[in-house]
Amino acid sequence: MLADLIDKQVIHKIFGKGKVVKYRGSYIGIDFPSGNKKFVFPDAFGTYLTLTDQKLAKMVQKKKKECEEEEQKLRELKALQSKKRQRLLAQERNIIKRKTWKIHPQSQSVFWCKKQEQDSVFERWDVFTGVIKSGEKQGQPRRLARVNQNSACLLTARESDMPEKDRRILGVFMVDETFDNKSCTDGYIPAHSKHRLRLSEQESEKMLFWNYYFNKKYPHRMTWNTGRHRYFDNVWMAQILRDIVSLKENPEEQENAQQFFEYFCQMNRIKKEEIPEPKGALMRI
């Protein structure tokens, strides 16, 4: 039907009335009293040109909308491809850095998640570090200097009417492989796109935090006191991940947990076969 454009009358904002004399898919030729002009099709319609044939005008507008939607999809695809390329480049840079960086033995991070924030943490898959309580930077987001691509964030909870020894592990995620704590200004640590686990209520009840964690000065003491976060040992995190693998009954979930565990060990240069059994404060009673 768009082939019917030939000989149709159009009106241009400057050149006035004209007649379509050529249509070649991506451009259209129009004869005006001032001479022949060429326009991009269908972009020019609705912007510079107006068809006097209303039925045909609607068809051209429909074609224009389809072209715009196609261009938008193409832009989105290019943006996605660019983002993937940037992510791959970042991963390559991080691989080179990981070969030489010094890994802190306590670069894992555990958070106390309040009940009202638990759902949002797992929906967004990020965790807020909290704010600085005093000093010149009071009220600003806290920056966790040891948290890097080799770090995992452990999410725990304890209800107000529960004893500290019953603190449960809710889930865990590896820090996003492009995360840079030096440039983190909003206080949110994003999760890795793949290595993230949320435990069911039944699983969580079996994964008690104090089975793994202990204060080396006071190994039998189970106190959190105040604060949202604390660092802990890389090997303890490996123990937790290993136990989560054993805990999972669903084959797909178990495979995901196993891949997480292996990735963590690789990132922290931990030999799986040398990981000791947990000796947390709860195990010492």
C-alpha atoms as a PDB file:
ATOM      1  CA  MET A   1       0.000   0.000   0.000  1.00  0.00           C
ATOM      2  CA  LEU A   2       2.905   2.395   0.644  1.00  0.00           C
ATOM      3  CA  ALA A   3       3.768   2.067  -3.042  1.00  0.00           C
ATOM      4  CA  ASP A   4       0.606   4.172  -3.569  1.00  0.00           C
ATOM      5  CA  LEU A   5       2.589   7.178  -2.325  1.00  0.00           C
ATOM      6  CA  ILE A   6       3.557   8.043  -5.878  1.00  0.00           C
ATOM      7  CA  ASP A   7       1.643  11.148  -7.104  1.00  0.00           C
ATOM      8  CA  LYS A   8       0.194  11.771  -3.635  1.00  0.00           C
ATOM      9  CA  GLN A   9       0.085  15.358  -2.438  1.00  0.00           C
ATOM     10  CA  VAL A  10       2.080  16.474   0.577  1.00  0.00           C
ATOM     11  CA  ILE A  11       2.543  19.742   2.414  1.00  0.00           C
ATOM     12  CA  HIS A  12       5.917  20.955   3.654  1.00  0.00           C
ATOM     13  CA  LYS A  13       6.269  23.631   6.336  1.00  0.00           C
ATOM     14  CA  ILE A  14       8.587  25.699   4.130  1.00  0.00           C
ATOM     15  CA  PHE A  15       8.318  24.441   0.545  1.00  0.00           C
ATOM     16  CA  GLY A  16       4.527  24.320   0.548  1.00  0.00           C
ATOM     17  CA  LYS A  17       2.555  21.818  -1.524  1.00  0.00           C
ATOM     18  CA  GLY A  18       4.334  19.125  -3.444  1.00  0.00           C
ATOM     19  CA  LYS A  19       3.847  15.756  -5.135  1.00  0.00           C
ATOM     20  CA  VAL A  20       5.575  12.457  -4.412  1.00  0.00           C
ATOM     21  CA  VAL A  21       7.547  11.433  -7.478  1.00  0.00           C
ATOM     22  CA  LYS A  22       9.869   8.759  -6.094  1.00  0.00           C
ATOM     23  CA  TYR A  23       9.755   6.205  -3.250  1.00  0.00           C
ATOM     24  CA  ARG A  24      12.755   3.946  -2.579  1.00  0.00           C
ATOM     25  CA  GLY A  25      12.136   2.391   0.854  1.00  0.00           C
ATOM     26  CA  SER A  26      14.484   4.561   2.899  1.00  0.00           C
ATOM     27  CA  TYR A  27      13.949   7.863   1.136  1.00  0.00           C
ATOM     28  CA  ILE A  28      11.259   9.688  -0.765  1.00  0.00           C
ATOM     29  CA  GLY A  29      11.488  12.251  -3.599  1.00  0.00           C
ATOM     30  CA  ILE A  30       9.011  15.137  -3.761  1.00  0.00           C
ATOM     31  CA  ASP A  31       8.526  17.682  -6.522  1.00  0.00           C
ATOM     32  CA  PHE A  32       7.846  21.201  -5.215  1.00  0.00           C
ATOM     33  CA  PRO A  33       7.399  24.391  -7.222  1.00  0.00           C
ATOM     34  CA  SER A  34      10.910  25.324  -6.073  1.00  0.00           C
ATOM     35  CA  GLY A  35      12.361  22.030  -7.297  1.00  0.00           C
ATOM     36  CA  ASN A  36      12.792  18.368  -6.413  1.00  0.00           C
ATOM     37  CA  LYS A  37      13.668  17.520  -2.800  1.00  0.00           C
ATOM     38  CA  LYS A  38      14.696  14.254  -1.145  1.00  0.00           C
ATOM     39  CA  PHE A  39      13.692  13.226   2.422  1.00  0.00           C
ATOM     40  CA  VAL A  40      14.349  10.285   4.735  1.00  0.00           C
ATOM     41  CA  PHE A  41      11.359   7.956   4.856  1.00  0.00           C
ATOM     42  CA  PRO A  42       9.316   7.662   7.038  1.00  0.00           C
ATOM     43  CA  ASP A  43      11.127   9.997   9.481  1.00  0.00           C
ATOM     44  CA  ALA A  44      10.213  13.206   7.661  1.00  0.00           C
ATOM     45  CA  PHE A  45       6.458  12.621   7.955  1.00  0.00           C
ATOM     46  CA  GLY A  46       4.915  14.208  10.995  1.00  0.00           C
ATOM     47  CA  THR A  47       8.025  16.364  11.402  1.00  0.00           C
ATOM     48  CA  TYR A  48       8.397  18.198   8.086  1.00  0.00           C
ATOM     49  CA  LEU A  49       5.842  16.605   5.769  1.00  0.00           C
ATOM     50  CA  THR A  50       2.107  15.992   5.959  1.00  0.00           C
ATOM     51  CA  LEU A  51       0.131  13.768   3.590  1.00  0.00           C
ATOM     52  CA  THR A  52      -3.234  15.118   2.493  1.00  0.00           C
ATOM     53  CA  ASP A  53      -4.522  11.532   2.068  1.00  0.00           C
ATOM     54  CA  GLN A  54      -5.571  10.740   5.660  1.00  0.00           C
ATOM     55  CA  LYS A  55      -5.779   6.969   5.201  1.00  0.00           C
ATOM     56  CA  LEU A  56      -2.299   6.814   3.732  1.00  0.00           C
ATOM     57  CA  ALA A  57      -1.047   9.244   6.380  1.00  0.00           C
ATOM     58  CA  LYS A  58      -2.110   6.784   9.126  1.00  0.00           C
ATOM     59  CA  MET A  59      -0.275   3.975   7.376  1.00  0.00           C
ATOM     60  CA  VAL A  60       2.888   6.084   7.129  1.00  0.00           C
ATOM     61  CA  GLN A  61       2.656   6.971  10.831  1.00  0.00           C
ATOM     62  CA  LYS A  62       2.270   3.281  11.668  1.00  0.00           C
ATOM     63  CA  LYS A  63       5.354   2.527   9.575  1.00  0.00           C
ATOM     64  CA  LYS A  64       7.221   5.350  11.330  1.00  0.00           C
ATOM     65  CA  LYS A  65       6.288   3.967  14.754  1.00  0.00           C
ATOM     66  CA  GLU A  66       7.471   0.477  13.758  1.00  0.00           C
ATOM     67  CA  CYS A  67      10.791   1.910  12.550  1.00  0.00           C
ATOM     68  CA  GLU A  68      11.231   3.867  15.794  1.00  0.00           C
ATOM     69  CA  GLU A  69      10.513   0.749  17.870  1.00  0.00           C
ATOM     70  CA  GLU A  70      13.018  -1.213  15.798  1.00  0.00           C
ATOM     71  CA  GLU A  71      15.636   1.508  16.268  1.00  0.00           C
ATOM     72  CA  GLN A  72      14.985   1.526  20.019  1.00  0.00           C
ATOM     73  CA  LYS A  73      15.478  -2.246  20.184  1.00  0.00           C
ATOM     74  CA  LEU A  74      18.708  -1.860  18.235  1.00  0.00           C
ATOM     75  CA  ARG A  75      19.943   0.857  20.611  1.00  0.00           C
ATOM     76  CA  GLU A  76      19.097  -1.316  23.615  1.00  0.00           C
ATOM     77  CA  LEU A  77      20.907  -4.277  22.051  1.00  0.00           C
ATOM     78  CA  LYS A  78      23.991  -2.157  21.373  1.00  0.00           C
ATOM     79  CA  ALA A  79      23.912  -0.818  24.935  1.00  0.00           C
ATOM     80  CA  LEU A  80      23.636  -4.383  26.282  1.00  0.00           C
ATOM     81  CA  GLN A  81      26.506  -5.551  24.093  1.00  0.00           C
ATOM     82  CA  SER A  82      28.598  -2.573  25.218  1.00  0.00           C
ATOM     83  CA  LYS A  83      27.826  -3.364  28.868  1.00  0.00           C
ATOM     84  CA  LYS A  84      28.829  -7.001  28.328  1.00  0.00           C
ATOM     85  CA  ARG A  85      32.089  -5.919  26.678  1.00  0.00           C
ATOM     86  CA  GLN A  86      32.855  -3.585  29.582  1.00  0.00           C
ATOM     87  CA  ARG A  87      32.086  -6.354  32.072  1.00  0.00           C
ATOM     88  CA  LEU A  88      34.362  -8.793  30.232  1.00  0.00           C
ATOM     89  CA  LEU A  89      37.151  -6.223  30.155  1.00  0.00           C
ATOM     90  CA  ALA A  90      36.684  -5.610  33.885  1.00  0.00           C
ATOM     91  CA  GLN A  91      36.803  -9.345  34.526  1.00  0.00           C
ATOM     92  CA  GLU A  92      40.004  -9.661  32.499  1.00  0.00           C
ATOM     93  CA  ARG A  93      41.593  -6.800  34.438  1.00  0.00           C
ATOM     94  CA  ASN A  94      40.529  -8.375  37.705  1.00  0.00           C
ATOM     95  CA  ILE A  95      41.991 -11.741  36.698  1.00  0.00           C
ATOM     96  CA  ILE A  96      45.335 -10.050  36.112  1.00  0.00           C
ATOM     97  CA  LYS A  97      45.085  -8.205  39.442  1.00  0.00           C
ATOM     98  CA  ARG A  98      44.104 -11.336  41.365  1.00  0.00           C
ATOM     99  CA  LYS A  99      47.331 -13.070  40.348  1.00  0.00           C
ATOM    100  CA  THR A 100      49.361 -10.508  42.261  1.00  0.00           C
ATOM    101  CA  TRP A 101      47.127  -9.029  44.966  1.00  0.00           C
ATOM    102  CA  LYS A 102      47.635  -9.852  48.608  1.00  0.00           C
ATOM    103  CA  ILE A 103      44.576 -11.482  50.142  1.00  0.00           C
ATOM    104  CA  HIS A 104      43.737 -10.448  53.680  1.00  0.00           C
ATOM    105  CA  PRO A 105      42.987 -13.580  55.774  1.00  0.00           C
ATOM    106  CA  GLN A 106      39.869 -11.895  57.179  1.00  0.00           C
ATOM    107  CA  SER A 107      38.304 -10.261  54.145  1.00  0.00           C
ATOM    108  CA  GLN A 108      34.843 -11.815  54.539  1.00  0.00           C
ATOM    109  CA  SER A 109      31.940  -9.747  55.769  1.00  0.00           C
ATOM    110  CA  VAL A 110      28.964 -10.678  57.955  1.00  0.00           C
ATOM    111  CA  PHE A 111      25.908  -8.470  58.398  1.00  0.00           C
ATOM    112  CA  TRP A 112      23.107  -8.368  60.916  1.00  0.00           C
ATOM    113  CA  CYS A 113      19.948  -7.970  58.810  1.00  0.00           C
ATOM    114  CA  LYS A 114      16.945  -6.564  60.595  1.00  0.00           C
ATOM    115  CA  LYS A 115      13.594  -8.205  59.905  1.00  0.00           C
ATOM    116  CA  GLN A 116      12.177  -5.235  57.990  1.00  0.00           C
ATOM    117  CA  GLU A 117      15.000  -5.233  55.457  1.00  0.00           C
ATOM    118  CA  GLN A 118      15.441  -8.946  54.789  1.00  0.00           C
ATOM    119  CA  ASP A 119      13.096  -9.200  51.808  1.00  0.00           C
ATOM    120  CA  SER A 120      14.527  -6.119  50.109  1.00  0.00           C
ATOM    121  CA  VAL A 121      18.112  -7.372  50.515  1.00  0.00           C
ATOM    122  CA  PHE A 122      17.253 -10.560  48.620  1.00  0.00           C
ATOM    123  CA  GLU A 123      15.107  -8.765  46.047  1.00  0.00           C
ATOM    124  CA  ARG A 124      17.827  -6.264  45.147  1.00  0.00           C
ATOM    125  CA  TRP A 125      20.748  -8.562  46.014  1.00  0.00           C
ATOM    126  CA  ASP A 126      22.825  -5.910  47.675  1.00  0.00           C
ATOM    127  CA  VAL A 127      23.515  -4.936  51.267  1.00  0.00           C
ATOM    128  CA  PHE A 128      24.001  -1.557  52.925  1.00  0.00           C
ATOM    129  CA  THR A 129      27.168  -1.183  54.983  1.00  0.00           C
ATOM    130  CA  GLY A 130      25.651   1.252  57.477  1.00  0.00           C
ATOM    131  CA  VAL A 131      26.696   4.792  58.405  1.00  0.00           C
ATOM    132  CA  ILE A 132      29.564   6.262  60.379  1.00  0.00           C
ATOM    133  CA  LYS A 133      28.395   7.056  63.909  1.00  0.00           C
ATOM    134  CA  SER A 134      30.822   9.811  64.901  1.00  0.00           C
ATOM    135  CA  GLY A 135      33.618  12.105  63.757  1.00  0.00           C
ATOM    136  CA  GLU A 136      33.931  14.367  60.748  1.00  0.00           C
ATOM    137  CA  LYS A 137      32.245  11.837  58.465  1.00  0.00           C
ATOM    138  CA  GLN A 138      29.323  11.141  60.786  1.00  0.00           C
ATOM    139  CA  GLY A 139      26.222  10.086  58.866  1.00  0.00           C
ATOM    140  CA  GLN A 140      28.134   9.127  55.719  1.00  0.00           C
ATOM    141  CA  PRO A 141      27.999   5.547  54.384  1.00  0.00           C
ATOM    142  CA  ARG A 142      30.658   3.295  55.850  1.00  0.00           C
ATOM    143  CA  ARG A 143      33.318   1.998  53.442  1.00  0.00           C
ATOM    144  CA  LEU A 144      34.555  -1.530  54.140  1.00  0.00           C
ATOM    145  CA  ALA A 145      38.209  -1.435  53.137  1.00  0.00           C
ATOM    146  CA  ARG A 146      38.731  -5.215  53.113  1.00  0.00           C
ATOM    147  CA  VAL A 147      35.706  -6.043  50.984  1.00  0.00           C
ATOM    148  CA  ASN A 148      36.739  -6.801  47.431  1.00  0.00           C
ATOM    149  CA  GLN A 149      36.058  -9.260  44.615  1.00  0.00           C
ATOM    150  CA  ASN A 150      37.309 -12.142  46.765  1.00  0.00           C
ATOM    151  CA  SER A 151      34.846 -11.309  49.544  1.00  0.00           C
ATOM    152  CA  ALA A 152      31.526 -12.939  50.315  1.00  0.00           C
ATOM    153  CA  CYS A 153      28.791 -11.189  52.282  1.00  0.00           C
ATOM    154  CA  LEU A 154      27.081 -13.356  54.881  1.00  0.00           C
ATOM    155  CA  LEU A 155      23.566 -12.305  55.864  1.00  0.00           C
ATOM    156  CA  THR A 156      22.453 -13.232  59.369  1.00  0.00           C
ATOM    157  CA  ALA A 157      19.554 -12.477  61.714  1.00  0.00           C
ATOM    158  CA  ARG A 158      18.555 -12.786  65.329  1.00  0.00           C
ATOM    159  CA  GLU A 159      15.113 -11.935  66.639  1.00  0.00           C
ATOM    160  CA  SER A 160      14.988  -9.642  69.677  1.00  0.00           C
ATOM    161  CA  ASP A 161      13.585 -12.424  71.858  1.00  0.00           C
ATOM    162  CA  MET A 162      16.235 -14.953  70.786  1.00  0.00           C
ATOM    163  CA  PRO A 163      19.570 -15.591  72.527  1.00  0.00           C
ATOM    164  CA  GLU A 164      22.655 -14.610  70.525  1.00  0.00           C
ATOM    165  CA  LYS A 165      23.736 -18.250  70.169  1.00  0.00           C
ATOM    166  CA  ASP A 166      20.681 -18.840  67.912  1.00  0.00           C
ATOM    167  CA  ARG A 167      21.777 -16.322  65.267  1.00  0.00           C
ATOM    168  CA  ARG A 168      20.833 -17.847  61.907  1.00  0.00           C
ATOM    169  CA  ILE A 169      22.452 -17.589  58.489  1.00  0.00           C
ATOM    170  CA  LEU A 170      19.869 -16.301  55.988  1.00  0.00           C
ATOM    171  CA  GLY A 171      21.973 -16.355  52.859  1.00  0.00           C
ATOM    172  CA  VAL A 172      25.261 -15.379  51.294  1.00  0.00           C
ATOM    173  CA  PHE A 173      26.497 -13.782  48.110  1.00  0.00           C
ATOM    174  CA  MET A 174      29.817 -13.218  46.444  1.00  0.00           C
ATOM    175  CA  VAL A 175      30.640  -9.563  45.827  1.00  0.00           C
ATOM    176  CA  ASP A 176      30.158  -8.475  42.219  1.00  0.00           C
ATOM    177  CA  GLU A 177      33.341  -9.095  40.224  1.00  0.00           C
ATOM    178  CA  THR A 178      33.494  -5.440  39.099  1.00  0.00           C
ATOM    179  CA  PHE A 179      33.058  -3.983  42.605  1.00  0.00           C
ATOM    180  CA  ASP A 180      35.683  -1.471  43.754  1.00  0.00           C
ATOM    181  CA  ASN A 181      35.391  -0.440  47.407  1.00  0.00           C
ATOM    182  CA  LYS A 182      37.456   2.708  46.777  1.00  0.00           C
ATOM    183  CA  SER A 183      34.799   4.087  44.433  1.00  0.00           C
ATOM    184  CA  CYS A 184      31.819   2.887  46.485  1.00  0.00           C
ATOM    185  CA  THR A 185      30.198   6.093  47.753  1.00  0.00           C
ATOM    186  CA  ASP A 186      26.614   5.007  48.434  1.00  0.00           C
ATOM    187  CA  GLY A 187      27.468   2.236  50.915  1.00  0.00           C
ATOM    188  CA  TYR A 188      25.783  -0.554  48.939  1.00  0.00           C
ATOM    189  CA  ILE A 189      27.700  -3.727  48.119  1.00  0.00           C
ATOM    190  CA  PRO A 190      26.236  -5.466  45.030  1.00  0.00           C
ATOM    191  CA  ALA A 191      26.014  -9.233  44.653  1.00  0.00           C
ATOM    192  CA  HIS A 192      27.727 -11.310  41.998  1.00  0.00           C
ATOM    193  CA  SER A 193      25.396 -11.989  39.064  1.00  0.00           C
ATOM    194  CA  LYS A 194      25.621 -15.762  39.599  1.00  0.00           C
ATOM    195  CA  HIS A 195      27.076 -16.691  42.992  1.00  0.00           C
ATOM    196  CA  ARG A 196      24.277 -15.889  45.440  1.00  0.00           C
ATOM    197  CA  LEU A 197      22.271 -18.125  47.774  1.00  0.00           C
ATOM    198  CA  ARG A 198      19.184 -17.612  49.929  1.00  0.00           C
ATOM    199  CA  LEU A 199      18.390 -20.314  52.466  1.00  0.00           C
ATOM    200  CA  SER A 200      14.889 -21.538  53.176  1.00  0.00           C
ATOM    201  CA  GLU A 201      13.492 -21.168  56.688  1.00  0.00           C
ATOM    202  CA  GLN A 202      14.217 -24.833  57.400  1.00  0.00           C
ATOM    203  CA  GLU A 203      17.769 -24.588  56.017  1.00  0.00           C
ATOM    204  CA  SER A 204      18.438 -21.392  57.936  1.00  0.00           C
ATOM    205  CA  GLU A 205      17.530 -23.039  61.237  1.00  0.00           C
ATOM    206  CA  LYS A 206      20.260 -25.619  60.609  1.00  0.00           C
ATOM    207  CA  MET A 207      22.919 -23.031  59.753  1.00  0.00           C
ATOM    208  CA  LEU A 208      23.846 -21.258  62.986  1.00  0.00           C
ATOM    209  CA  PHE A 209      26.418 -18.514  62.718  1.00  0.00           C
ATOM    210  CA  TRP A 210      28.198 -19.343  65.976  1.00  0.00           C
ATOM    211  CA  ASN A 211      29.019 -22.854  64.780  1.00  0.00           C
ATOM    212  CA  TYR A 212      31.712 -21.147  62.681  1.00  0.00           C
ATOM    213  CA  TYR A 213      32.580 -17.809  64.228  1.00  0.00           C
ATOM    214  CA  PHE A 214      34.557 -17.266  67.427  1.00  0.00           C
ATOM    215  CA  ASN A 215      36.475 -14.456  69.032  1.00  0.00           C
ATOM    216  CA  LYS A 216      40.095 -15.588  69.196  1.00  0.00           C
ATOM    217  CA  LYS A 217      40.629 -13.756  72.494  1.00  0.00           C
ATOM    218  CA  TYR A 218      37.457 -15.127  74.042  1.00  0.00           C
ATOM    219  CA  PRO A 219      36.693 -18.326  72.049  1.00  0.00           C
ATOM    220  CA  HIS A 220      33.696 -19.378  74.175  1.00  0.00           C
ATOM    221  CA  ARG A 221      31.994 -15.991  74.169  1.00  0.00           C
ATOM    222  CA  MET A 222      29.010 -15.398  71.868  1.00  0.00           C
ATOM    223  CA  THR A 223      28.344 -11.677  71.846  1.00  0.00           C
ATOM    224  CA  TRP A 224      27.580  -9.322  68.989  1.00  0.00           C
ATOM    225  CA  ASN A 225      26.798  -6.255  71.100  1.00  0.00           C
ATOM    226  CA  THR A 226      26.163  -3.384  68.687  1.00  0.00           C
ATOM    227  CA  GLY A 227      26.962  -2.648  65.066  1.00  0.00           C
ATOM    228  CA  ARG A 228      25.764  -3.931  61.745  1.00  0.00           C
ATOM    229  CA  HIS A 229      28.887  -5.544  60.373  1.00  0.00           C
ATOM    230  CA  ARG A 230      32.073  -7.365  61.210  1.00  0.00           C
ATOM    231  CA  TYR A 231      34.887  -9.026  59.253  1.00  0.00           C
ATOM    232  CA  PHE A 232      35.711 -12.677  59.648  1.00  0.00           C
ATOM    233  CA  ASP A 233      38.055 -15.409  58.509  1.00  0.00           C
ATOM    234  CA  ASN A 234      38.191 -16.597  54.891  1.00  0.00           C
ATOM    235  CA  VAL A 235      38.384 -20.238  55.996  1.00  0.00           C
ATOM    236  CA  TRP A 236      35.239 -19.869  58.123  1.00  0.00           C
ATOM    237  CA  MET A 237      33.355 -18.692  55.055  1.00  0.00           C
ATOM    238  CA  ALA A 238      34.645 -21.686  53.114  1.00  0.00           C
ATOM    239  CA  GLN A 239      33.341 -23.950  55.899  1.00  0.00           C
ATOM    240  CA  ILE A 240      29.919 -22.307  55.700  1.00  0.00           C
ATOM    241  CA  LEU A 241      29.717 -22.677  51.926  1.00  0.00           C
ATOM    242  CA  ARG A 242      30.836 -26.295  52.090  1.00  0.00           C
ATOM    243  CA  ASP A 243      28.097 -27.044  54.641  1.00  0.00           C
ATOM    244  CA  ILE A 244      25.470 -25.293  52.522  1.00  0.00           C
ATOM    245  CA  VAL A 245      26.389 -27.597  49.627  1.00  0.00           C
ATOM    246  CA  SER A 246      25.788 -30.601  51.886  1.00  0.00           C
ATOM    247  CA  LEU A 247      22.557 -29.081  53.173  1.00  0.00           C
ATOM    248  CA  LYS A 248      20.965 -28.637  49.744  1.00  0.00           C
ATOM    249  CA  GLU A 249      18.720 -31.495  48.605  1.00  0.00           C
ATOM    250  CA  ASN A 250      17.536 -30.090  45.279  1.00  0.00           C
ATOM    251  CA  PRO A 251      20.128 -31.161  42.629  1.00  0.00           C
ATOM    252  CA  GLU A 252      20.076 -27.811  40.802  1.00  0.00           C
ATOM    253  CA  GLU A 253      20.438 -25.810  44.028  1.00  0.00           C
ATOM    254  CA  GLN A 254      23.214 -28.108  45.191  1.00  0.00           C
ATOM    255  CA  GLU A 255      25.068 -27.644  41.901  1.00  0.00           C
ATOM    256  CA  ASN A 256      24.761 -23.838  42.199  1.00  0.00           C
ATOM    257  CA  ALA A 257      26.055 -23.989  45.775  1.00  0.00           C
ATOM    258  CA  GLN A 258      28.953 -26.225  44.684  1.00  0.00           C
ATOM    259  CA  GLN A 259      29.961 -23.792  41.934  1.00  0.00           C
ATOM    260  CA  PHE A 260      29.768 -20.925  44.431  1.00  0.00           C
ATOM    261  CA  PHE A 261      31.974 -22.857  46.866  1.00  0.00           C
ATOM    262  CA  GLU A 262      34.584 -23.654  44.213  1.00  0.00           C
ATOM    263  CA  TYR A 263      34.613 -20.079  42.925  1.00  0.00           C
ATOM    264  CA  PHE A 264      35.107 -18.762  46.459  1.00  0.00           C
ATOM    265  CA  CYS A 265      38.007 -21.128  47.122  1.00  0.00           C
ATOM    266  CA  GLN A 266      39.619 -20.141  43.852  1.00  0.00           C
ATOM    267  CA  MET A 267      39.265 -16.431  44.592  1.00  0.00           C
ATOM    268  CA  ASN A 268      40.729 -16.821  48.077  1.00  0.00           C
ATOM    269  CA  ARG A 269      43.419 -19.398  47.156  1.00  0.00           C
ATOM    270  CA  ILE A 270      41.974 -21.952  49.548  1.00  0.00           C
ATOM    271  CA  LYS A 271      42.578 -25.664  48.947  1.00  0.00           C
ATOM    272  CA  LYS A 272      39.249 -27.451  49.397  1.00  0.00           C
ATOM    273  CA  GLU A 273      40.819 -30.610  50.764  1.00  0.00           C
ATOM    274  CA  GLU A 274      42.615 -28.642  53.508  1.00  0.00           C
ATOM    275  CA  ILE A 275      39.579 -26.870  54.971  1.00  0.00           C
ATOM    276  CA  PRO A 276      39.264 -27.906  58.652  1.00  0.00           C
ATOM    277  CA  GLU A 277      36.047 -28.723  60.463  1.00  0.00           C
ATOM    278  CA  PRO A 278      34.247 -25.767  62.096  1.00  0.00           C
ATOM    279  CA  LYS A 279      35.244 -24.849  65.642  1.00  0.00           C
ATOM    280  CA  GLY A 280      32.992 -21.911  66.337  1.00  0.00           C
ATOM    281  CA  ALA A 281      32.044 -20.735  69.812  1.00  0.00           C
ATOM    282  CA  LEU A 282      28.890 -22.867  69.788  1.00  0.00           C
ATOM    283  CA  MET A 283      30.978 -25.976  69.099  1.00  0.00           C
ATOM    284  CA  ARG A 284      33.146 -25.281  72.156  1.00  0.00           C
ATOM    285  CA  ILE A 285      30.377 -25.491  74.754  1.00  0.00           C
END
